Amino acid sequence: ELISKDKIEQWILPHLSKGKRGFSTRYDLVKIIQLIVKRLKTGCQWRELSLK
C-alpha cells in the first residue's frame, strides 16, 4: 500500500466532487486511488491490478 487510507480520506477525497446524476461506483474510491498510484509508481498494466 503506497498511500494509507487515512491520508487519502484526509487529503484527496475532499477535493473530489460527487456527481449529482448518473451512476455511483460500486467500488471504494480509496481503493481506486491506491490502484492508480500503484499503476503510476510501478508501471504495471491496468489488467494486472485487482479491485477485489
Protein backbone atom coordinates (compact mmCIF):
# COMPACT_ATOMS: atom_id res chain seq x y z
CA GLU A 1 0.00 0.00 0.00
CA LEU A 2 1.66 3.19 -1.18
CA ILE A 3 -0.72 5.69 0.42
CA SER A 4 -2.68 4.94 3.56
CA LYS A 5 -6.47 5.09 3.64
CA ASP A 6 -6.34 7.85 6.26
CA LYS A 7 -4.16 10.09 4.10
CA ILE A 8 -6.38 9.60 1.06
CA GLU A 9 -9.51 10.40 3.07
CA GLN A 10 -7.86 13.46 4.62
CA TRP A 11 -6.02 14.96 1.64
CA ILE A 12 -7.55 13.70 -1.63
CA LEU A 13 -11.24 12.84 -1.20
CA PRO A 14 -12.28 16.32 -0.01
CA HIS A 15 -11.12 17.71 -3.37
CA LEU A 16 -13.15 15.28 -5.47
CA SER A 17 -16.65 16.27 -6.45
CA LYS A 18 -19.54 13.85 -6.31
CA GLY A 19 -21.83 13.66 -9.32
CA LYS A 20 -25.47 14.58 -8.85
CA ARG A 21 -26.63 12.45 -11.77
CA GLY A 22 -25.57 9.17 -13.24
CA PHE A 23 -24.43 6.03 -11.52
CA SER A 24 -22.41 5.76 -8.36
CA THR A 25 -19.44 3.46 -8.31
CA ARG A 26 -19.72 0.13 -6.57
CA TYR A 27 -16.04 0.26 -5.64
CA ASP A 28 -14.41 2.15 -2.79
CA LEU A 29 -12.82 5.39 -4.04
CA VAL A 30 -9.89 4.92 -1.67
CA LYS A 31 -9.08 1.57 -3.29
CA ILE A 32 -9.34 3.09 -6.78
CA ILE A 33 -6.93 5.90 -5.85
CA GLN A 34 -4.49 3.41 -4.32
CA LEU A 35 -4.55 1.36 -7.54
CA ILE A 36 -3.99 4.44 -9.71
CA VAL A 37 -0.98 5.45 -7.60
CA LYS A 38 0.36 1.89 -7.76
CA ARG A 39 -0.05 1.90 -11.56
CA LEU A 40 1.81 5.21 -11.87
CA LYS A 41 4.58 4.12 -9.49
CA THR A 42 5.24 0.62 -10.85
CA GLY A 43 4.24 0.95 -14.49
CA CYS A 44 2.32 -2.33 -14.40
CA GLN A 45 -0.52 -2.98 -16.84
CA TRP A 46 -4.06 -1.99 -15.90
CA ARG A 47 -5.34 -5.55 -16.25
CA GLU A 48 -2.82 -6.72 -13.63
CA LEU A 49 -4.49 -4.56 -10.99
CA SER A 50 -7.30 -6.09 -8.97
CA LEU A 51 -10.16 -4.24 -7.29
CA LYS A 52 -11.12 -7.28 -5.26
